Amino acid sequence: MVAQEASCCHIAEMKNAAPLALAAPLIAILLLAGCSKERDVAYYKEHPAERGKRTADCDTYSDASQDCLNAKQAQLEAYAVQPKETAPKDTDVAAK
């Protein structure tokens, strides 16, 4: 009888350990995802494609990290210095 009780307890312990075993890799992935390299505003100003992708990701995931702030600041600065000839005109929008 004692051996039977021990095996039942061992099964209960294994059931409790299963969620922890599944959660550990998920926690590791989440921690590693937060380890992306932070880029400065100058970098994003020089790399418009990456800036666009990063700002879209920041908006999608409501990310307010310093890296997102840098990408968004670079986006604002890039549009602020854009020559008037390349800026969209109100008449262009009305024509479409």
Protein backbone atom coordinates (compact mmCIF):
# COMPACT_ATOMS: atom_id res chain seq x y z
CA MET A 1 0.00 0.00 0.00
CA VAL A 2 2.79 2.42 0.79
CA ALA A 3 4.33 1.96 -2.65
CA GLN A 4 0.97 2.70 -4.26
CA GLU A 5 0.61 5.96 -2.29
CA ALA A 6 4.10 7.05 -3.31
CA SER A 7 3.38 6.53 -7.00
CA CYS A 8 0.14 8.54 -6.76
CA CYS A 9 1.96 11.43 -5.13
CA HIS A 10 4.66 11.30 -7.80
CA ILE A 11 2.02 11.55 -10.55
CA ALA A 12 0.48 14.59 -8.84
CA GLU A 13 3.90 16.24 -8.66
CA MET A 14 4.45 15.60 -12.37
CA LYS A 15 1.10 17.22 -13.22
CA ASN A 16 2.12 20.33 -11.29
CA ALA A 17 5.52 20.43 -12.99
CA ALA A 18 4.09 20.27 -16.54
CA PRO A 19 2.86 23.91 -16.69
CA LEU A 20 6.19 25.09 -15.32
CA ALA A 21 8.06 23.08 -17.95
CA LEU A 22 5.95 24.68 -20.67
CA ALA A 23 6.24 28.18 -19.21
CA ALA A 24 10.04 28.19 -18.93
CA PRO A 25 10.75 28.30 -22.70
CA LEU A 26 8.06 30.93 -23.17
CA ILE A 27 9.59 33.12 -20.49
CA ALA A 28 13.03 32.70 -22.09
CA ILE A 29 11.67 33.75 -25.49
CA LEU A 30 10.01 36.84 -24.03
CA LEU A 31 13.18 37.85 -22.22
CA LEU A 32 15.30 37.42 -25.33
CA ALA A 33 12.81 39.36 -27.46
CA GLY A 34 13.38 42.38 -25.24
CA CYS A 35 17.11 42.27 -25.96
CA SER A 36 16.96 43.90 -29.38
CA LYS A 37 19.66 46.41 -30.17
CA GLU A 38 18.64 49.99 -29.54
CA ARG A 39 19.38 52.32 -32.45
CA ASP A 40 19.73 56.08 -32.22
CA VAL A 41 17.82 58.77 -34.12
CA ALA A 42 20.71 59.32 -36.56
CA TYR A 43 20.70 55.65 -37.54
CA TYR A 44 16.99 55.67 -38.32
CA LYS A 45 17.33 58.91 -40.29
CA GLU A 46 19.94 57.23 -42.49
CA HIS A 47 17.93 53.99 -42.93
CA PRO A 48 14.38 54.95 -44.00
CA ALA A 49 13.24 51.39 -44.81
CA GLU A 50 14.21 50.09 -41.40
CA ARG A 51 12.73 53.23 -39.80
CA GLY A 52 9.39 52.58 -41.49
CA LYS A 53 9.34 48.93 -40.45
CA ARG A 54 10.29 49.79 -36.88
CA THR A 55 7.68 52.53 -36.47
CA ALA A 56 5.01 50.19 -37.88
CA ASP A 57 6.04 47.47 -35.41
CA CYS A 58 6.00 50.01 -32.57
CA ASP A 59 2.46 51.06 -33.49
CA THR A 60 1.26 47.48 -33.93
CA TYR A 61 2.56 46.31 -30.55
CA SER A 62 2.07 49.62 -28.67
CA ASP A 63 5.77 49.60 -27.92
CA ALA A 64 7.06 52.68 -26.09
CA SER A 65 10.70 51.61 -25.79
CA GLN A 66 13.54 54.06 -26.35
CA ASP A 67 14.23 52.40 -29.69
CA CYS A 68 10.66 53.12 -30.83
CA LEU A 69 10.89 56.69 -29.63
CA ASN A 70 14.13 57.10 -31.61
CA ALA A 71 12.55 55.68 -34.77
CA LYS A 72 9.51 57.94 -34.42
CA GLN A 73 11.68 60.99 -33.75
CA ALA A 74 13.71 60.21 -36.87
CA GLN A 75 10.46 59.88 -38.82
CA LEU A 76 9.32 63.32 -37.63
CA GLU A 77 12.67 64.89 -38.43
CA ALA A 78 12.82 63.27 -41.86
CA TYR A 79 9.44 64.73 -42.81
CA ALA A 80 10.24 68.12 -41.26
CA VAL A 81 13.22 68.67 -43.60
CA GLN A 82 11.51 67.31 -46.71
CA PRO A 83 11.55 69.89 -49.57
CA LYS A 84 8.19 71.41 -50.46
CA GLU A 85 8.40 70.01 -54.00
CA THR A 86 8.26 66.42 -52.71
CA ALA A 87 5.62 67.01 -50.04
CA PRO A 88 2.15 65.80 -51.01
CA LYS A 89 -0.17 68.55 -52.21
CA ASP A 90 -3.84 68.90 -51.34
CA THR A 91 -4.68 68.96 -55.05
CA ASP A 92 -2.95 65.58 -55.56
CA VAL A 93 -5.24 63.97 -53.00
CA ALA A 94 -8.38 65.58 -54.46
CA ALA A 95 -7.52 64.37 -57.96
CA LYS A 96 -7.45 60.72 -56.87
